[in-house]
Amino acid sequence: MPIFAGFISLQASALFCLGMIAGYLVAQYFSDKADSIEIPIGKYKIHLHHWLIALVGLVIVFLTNVQNVLPSFFLGLGGGSLFHGIYCYTDWYRIFKRV
């Protein structure tokens, strides 16, 4: 039984890692091609970074407890996008911008 559990864990980990790599590469590809999502509110703009959108998506997945239904590859996609947004941009923490 431990061998079976180890194999399932390894397979899930490999799918998660492939999802992370794919999420990072997709975010890298679209980073120059897609415009940023900015919501104007008075004298400020809220910049919805892709890492923030991925984080909200992952939080919703875990709060609704559907992570057991989703393949780990899709969780990796969100994680890869989240990692890309924080690692590749120096202004990743600037969400509110003055107009």
N, C-alpha and C. Protein backbone atom coordinates (compact mmCIF):
# COMPACT_ATOMS: atom_id res chain seq x y z
N MET A 1 0.81 -1.20 0.00
CA MET A 1 0.00 0.00 0.00
C MET A 1 0.85 1.27 0.00
N PRO A 2 1.96 1.34 0.76
CA PRO A 2 2.78 2.55 0.73
C PRO A 2 3.35 2.84 -0.66
N ILE A 3 3.67 1.82 -1.42
CA ILE A 3 4.20 2.03 -2.77
C ILE A 3 3.13 2.69 -3.64
N PHE A 4 1.89 2.23 -3.53
CA PHE A 4 0.80 2.80 -4.31
C PHE A 4 0.59 4.27 -3.93
N ALA A 5 0.60 4.57 -2.65
CA ALA A 5 0.43 5.95 -2.18
C ALA A 5 1.58 6.82 -2.67
N GLY A 6 2.79 6.31 -2.64
CA GLY A 6 3.96 7.05 -3.12
C GLY A 6 3.86 7.34 -4.61
N PHE A 7 3.39 6.36 -5.39
CA PHE A 7 3.26 6.54 -6.83
C PHE A 7 2.22 7.62 -7.13
N ILE A 8 1.07 7.59 -6.45
CA ILE A 8 0.02 8.59 -6.66
C ILE A 8 0.54 9.98 -6.29
N SER A 9 1.28 10.06 -5.17
CA SER A 9 1.84 11.34 -4.75
C SER A 9 2.84 11.87 -5.77
N LEU A 10 3.68 11.00 -6.28
CA LEU A 10 4.67 11.40 -7.29
C LEU A 10 3.98 11.88 -8.56
N GLN A 11 2.93 11.17 -8.97
CA GLN A 11 2.21 11.56 -10.18
C GLN A 11 1.54 12.92 -9.98
N ALA A 12 0.92 13.13 -8.83
CA ALA A 12 0.28 14.41 -8.56
C ALA A 12 1.31 15.53 -8.50
N SER A 13 2.46 15.25 -7.91
CA SER A 13 3.52 16.26 -7.82
C SER A 13 4.06 16.60 -9.20
N ALA A 14 4.22 15.61 -10.04
CA ALA A 14 4.71 15.86 -11.40
C ALA A 14 3.70 16.70 -12.18
N LEU A 15 2.42 16.38 -12.04
CA LEU A 15 1.39 17.18 -12.73
C LEU A 15 1.37 18.60 -12.20
N PHE A 16 1.52 18.76 -10.89
CA PHE A 16 1.55 20.10 -10.31
C PHE A 16 2.75 20.89 -10.84
N CYS A 17 3.93 20.25 -10.90
CA CYS A 17 5.13 20.93 -11.41
C CYS A 17 4.97 21.30 -12.88
N LEU A 18 4.39 20.41 -13.67
CA LEU A 18 4.15 20.74 -15.08
C LEU A 18 3.17 21.90 -15.20
N GLY A 19 2.17 21.93 -14.34
CA GLY A 19 1.23 23.05 -14.32
C GLY A 19 1.91 24.35 -13.94
N MET A 20 2.82 24.29 -12.96
CA MET A 20 3.57 25.49 -12.55
C MET A 20 4.41 26.03 -13.72
N ILE A 21 5.08 25.13 -14.40
CA ILE A 21 5.91 25.54 -15.54
C ILE A 21 5.03 26.12 -16.65
N ALA A 22 3.93 25.45 -16.94
CA ALA A 22 3.02 25.94 -17.98
C ALA A 22 2.42 27.29 -17.59
N GLY A 23 2.02 27.45 -16.32
CA GLY A 23 1.46 28.72 -15.86
C GLY A 23 2.46 29.85 -15.97
N TYR A 24 3.71 29.58 -15.62
CA TYR A 24 4.77 30.59 -15.74
C TYR A 24 4.99 30.97 -17.20
N LEU A 25 5.08 29.97 -18.07
CA LEU A 25 5.35 30.24 -19.48
C LEU A 25 4.18 30.97 -20.15
N VAL A 26 2.95 30.61 -19.82
CA VAL A 26 1.78 31.29 -20.38
C VAL A 26 1.76 32.75 -19.92
N ALA A 27 2.04 32.98 -18.64
CA ALA A 27 2.07 34.35 -18.13
C ALA A 27 3.20 35.14 -18.80
N GLN A 28 4.33 34.51 -19.02
CA GLN A 28 5.46 35.18 -19.68
C GLN A 28 5.09 35.54 -21.12
N TYR A 29 4.43 34.62 -21.81
CA TYR A 29 4.05 34.86 -23.20
C TYR A 29 3.09 36.04 -23.32
N PHE A 30 2.09 36.08 -22.45
CA PHE A 30 1.07 37.11 -22.54
C PHE A 30 1.44 38.41 -21.82
N SER A 31 2.55 38.43 -21.13
CA SER A 31 2.90 39.62 -20.35
C SER A 31 3.12 40.86 -21.23
N ASP A 32 3.64 40.70 -22.40
CA ASP A 32 3.87 41.83 -23.30
C ASP A 32 2.72 42.04 -24.28
N LYS A 33 1.87 41.05 -24.45
CA LYS A 33 0.82 41.11 -25.46
C LYS A 33 -0.52 41.60 -24.91
N ALA A 34 -0.75 41.43 -23.63
CA ALA A 34 -2.04 41.81 -23.04
C ALA A 34 -1.89 43.10 -22.23
N ASP A 35 -2.92 43.93 -22.26
CA ASP A 35 -2.91 45.15 -21.47
C ASP A 35 -3.24 44.83 -20.02
N SER A 36 -2.77 45.68 -19.15
CA SER A 36 -3.07 45.52 -17.73
C SER A 36 -4.53 45.88 -17.47
N ILE A 37 -5.08 45.25 -16.45
CA ILE A 37 -6.45 45.57 -16.04
C ILE A 37 -6.37 46.62 -14.95
N GLU A 38 -6.88 47.81 -15.26
CA GLU A 38 -6.86 48.90 -14.29
C GLU A 38 -8.28 49.47 -14.15
N ILE A 39 -8.70 49.61 -12.92
CA ILE A 39 -10.04 50.12 -12.63
C ILE A 39 -9.90 51.51 -12.02
N PRO A 40 -10.40 52.56 -12.72
CA PRO A 40 -10.31 53.92 -12.17
C PRO A 40 -11.34 54.13 -11.07
N ILE A 41 -10.88 54.66 -9.95
CA ILE A 41 -11.76 55.03 -8.83
C ILE A 41 -11.29 56.39 -8.33
N GLY A 42 -11.99 57.43 -8.73
CA GLY A 42 -11.63 58.78 -8.32
C GLY A 42 -10.25 59.17 -8.81
N LYS A 43 -9.39 59.54 -7.88
CA LYS A 43 -8.02 59.95 -8.21
C LYS A 43 -7.05 58.78 -8.27
N TYR A 44 -7.55 57.58 -8.11
CA TYR A 44 -6.70 56.39 -8.08
C TYR A 44 -7.12 55.38 -9.14
N LYS A 45 -6.21 54.48 -9.43
CA LYS A 45 -6.49 53.33 -10.27
C LYS A 45 -6.10 52.09 -9.48
N ILE A 46 -6.95 51.07 -9.54
CA ILE A 46 -6.61 49.79 -8.95
C ILE A 46 -6.04 48.93 -10.07
N HIS A 47 -4.80 48.50 -9.91
CA HIS A 47 -4.14 47.67 -10.91
C HIS A 47 -4.28 46.21 -10.49
N LEU A 48 -5.07 45.46 -11.27
CA LEU A 48 -5.25 44.05 -10.98
C LEU A 48 -4.14 43.25 -11.66
N HIS A 49 -3.06 43.04 -10.94
CA HIS A 49 -1.95 42.25 -11.45
C HIS A 49 -2.41 40.82 -11.69
N HIS A 50 -1.76 40.12 -12.62
CA HIS A 50 -2.17 38.74 -12.88
C HIS A 50 -1.87 37.83 -11.70
N TRP A 51 -0.88 38.17 -10.90
CA TRP A 51 -0.62 37.35 -9.72
C TRP A 51 -1.75 37.49 -8.71
N LEU A 52 -2.34 38.68 -8.64
CA LEU A 52 -3.45 38.92 -7.71
C LEU A 52 -4.70 38.16 -8.16
N ILE A 53 -4.93 38.14 -9.45
CA ILE A 53 -6.07 37.40 -10.00
C ILE A 53 -5.88 35.90 -9.76
N ALA A 54 -4.65 35.40 -9.97
CA ALA A 54 -4.37 33.99 -9.71
C ALA A 54 -4.53 33.66 -8.23
N LEU A 55 -4.09 34.56 -7.36
CA LEU A 55 -4.22 34.34 -5.92
C LEU A 55 -5.69 34.27 -5.50
N VAL A 56 -6.49 35.20 -6.00
CA VAL A 56 -7.92 35.19 -5.68
C VAL A 56 -8.56 33.90 -6.19
N GLY A 57 -8.19 33.48 -7.39
CA GLY A 57 -8.72 32.23 -7.93
C GLY A 57 -8.35 31.03 -7.07
N LEU A 58 -7.10 30.96 -6.64
CA LEU A 58 -6.67 29.84 -5.79
C LEU A 58 -7.35 29.88 -4.43
N VAL A 59 -7.52 31.07 -3.87
CA VAL A 59 -8.21 31.18 -2.58
C VAL A 59 -9.65 30.71 -2.71
N ILE A 60 -10.32 31.09 -3.79
CA ILE A 60 -11.69 30.64 -4.01
C ILE A 60 -11.75 29.12 -4.15
N VAL A 61 -10.80 28.55 -4.87
CA VAL A 61 -10.75 27.10 -5.03
C VAL A 61 -10.62 26.42 -3.67
N PHE A 62 -9.73 26.92 -2.83
CA PHE A 62 -9.52 26.27 -1.54
C PHE A 62 -10.65 26.55 -0.55
N LEU A 63 -11.25 27.74 -0.61
CA LEU A 63 -12.37 28.03 0.29
C LEU A 63 -13.62 27.24 -0.06
N THR A 64 -13.82 26.98 -1.34
CA THR A 64 -14.98 26.19 -1.75
C THR A 64 -14.68 24.69 -1.72
N ASN A 65 -13.46 24.34 -1.39
CA ASN A 65 -13.05 22.94 -1.21
C ASN A 65 -13.23 22.11 -2.48
N VAL A 66 -12.93 22.71 -3.63
CA VAL A 66 -13.01 21.96 -4.89
C VAL A 66 -11.63 21.53 -5.39
N GLN A 67 -10.59 21.76 -4.59
CA GLN A 67 -9.26 21.37 -5.04
C GLN A 67 -9.12 19.86 -5.20
N ASN A 68 -9.98 19.10 -4.53
CA ASN A 68 -9.94 17.64 -4.67
C ASN A 68 -10.54 17.19 -5.99
N VAL A 69 -11.37 18.04 -6.60
CA VAL A 69 -12.00 17.72 -7.88
C VAL A 69 -11.09 18.12 -9.04
N LEU A 70 -10.38 19.23 -8.88
CA LEU A 70 -9.50 19.72 -9.94
C LEU A 70 -8.23 18.90 -10.01
N PRO A 71 -7.75 18.62 -11.21
CA PRO A 71 -6.43 17.99 -11.32
C PRO A 71 -5.35 18.95 -10.80
N SER A 72 -4.33 18.40 -10.21
CA SER A 72 -3.28 19.25 -9.63
C SER A 72 -2.60 20.11 -10.70
N PHE A 73 -2.71 19.72 -11.97
CA PHE A 73 -2.14 20.53 -13.05
C PHE A 73 -2.75 21.93 -13.04
N PHE A 74 -4.06 22.04 -12.83
CA PHE A 74 -4.72 23.34 -12.84
C PHE A 74 -4.34 24.19 -11.64
N LEU A 75 -4.12 23.54 -10.51
CA LEU A 75 -3.62 24.28 -9.35
C LEU A 75 -2.22 24.81 -9.63
N GLY A 76 -1.42 24.02 -10.34
CA GLY A 76 -0.09 24.46 -10.73
C GLY A 76 -0.12 25.63 -11.70
N LEU A 77 -1.11 25.66 -12.59
CA LEU A 77 -1.24 26.80 -13.51
C LEU A 77 -1.40 28.10 -12.73
N GLY A 78 -2.27 28.07 -11.73
CA GLY A 78 -2.46 29.26 -10.89
C GLY A 78 -1.21 29.62 -10.12
N GLY A 79 -0.54 28.61 -9.59
CA GLY A 79 0.70 28.84 -8.85
C GLY A 79 1.81 29.40 -9.73
N GLY A 80 1.91 28.91 -10.95
CA GLY A 80 2.93 29.40 -11.88
C GLY A 80 2.69 30.84 -12.28
N SER A 81 1.44 31.19 -12.50
CA SER A 81 1.09 32.57 -12.84
C SER A 81 1.35 33.49 -11.65
N LEU A 82 1.01 33.02 -10.47
CA LEU A 82 1.26 33.80 -9.26
C LEU A 82 2.76 34.04 -9.07
N PHE A 83 3.56 32.98 -9.23
CA PHE A 83 5.01 33.09 -9.10
C PHE A 83 5.58 34.06 -10.14
N HIS A 84 5.12 33.96 -11.38
CA HIS A 84 5.61 34.84 -12.44
C HIS A 84 5.37 36.30 -12.11
N GLY A 85 4.17 36.61 -11.64
CA GLY A 85 3.84 38.00 -11.35
C GLY A 85 4.67 38.61 -10.24
N ILE A 86 4.99 37.82 -9.24
CA ILE A 86 5.79 38.34 -8.12
C ILE A 86 7.28 38.33 -8.43
N TYR A 87 7.74 37.31 -9.12
CA TYR A 87 9.18 37.16 -9.38
C TYR A 87 9.68 38.08 -10.49
N CYS A 88 8.88 38.31 -11.51
CA CYS A 88 9.37 39.01 -12.70
C CYS A 88 9.14 40.52 -12.71
N TYR A 89 8.38 41.04 -11.77
CA TYR A 89 8.06 42.46 -11.78
C TYR A 89 8.49 43.11 -10.47
N THR A 90 9.12 44.27 -10.57
CA THR A 90 9.56 44.97 -9.36
C THR A 90 8.42 45.75 -8.71
N ASP A 91 7.36 46.03 -9.46
CA ASP A 91 6.23 46.78 -8.90
C ASP A 91 5.05 45.87 -8.58
N TRP A 92 5.30 44.62 -8.31
CA TRP A 92 4.24 43.65 -8.08
C TRP A 92 3.35 44.02 -6.89
N TYR A 93 3.86 44.77 -5.96
CA TYR A 93 3.11 45.11 -4.75
C TYR A 93 2.29 46.39 -4.91
N ARG A 94 2.47 47.14 -5.99
CA ARG A 94 1.74 48.40 -6.20
C ARG A 94 0.38 48.10 -6.81
N ILE A 95 -0.65 48.12 -5.99
CA ILE A 95 -1.99 47.83 -6.46
C ILE A 95 -2.75 49.14 -6.67
N PHE A 96 -2.61 50.09 -5.78
CA PHE A 96 -3.26 51.39 -5.91
C PHE A 96 -2.28 52.39 -6.52
N LYS A 97 -2.70 53.03 -7.60
CA LYS A 97 -1.86 54.03 -8.25
C LYS A 97 -2.62 55.35 -8.34
N ARG A 98 -1.93 56.42 -8.10
CA ARG A 98 -2.53 57.75 -8.23
C ARG A 98 -2.56 58.15 -9.69
N VAL A 99 -3.67 58.71 -10.14
CA VAL A 99 -3.83 59.10 -11.55
C VAL A 99 -3.09 60.38 -11.82
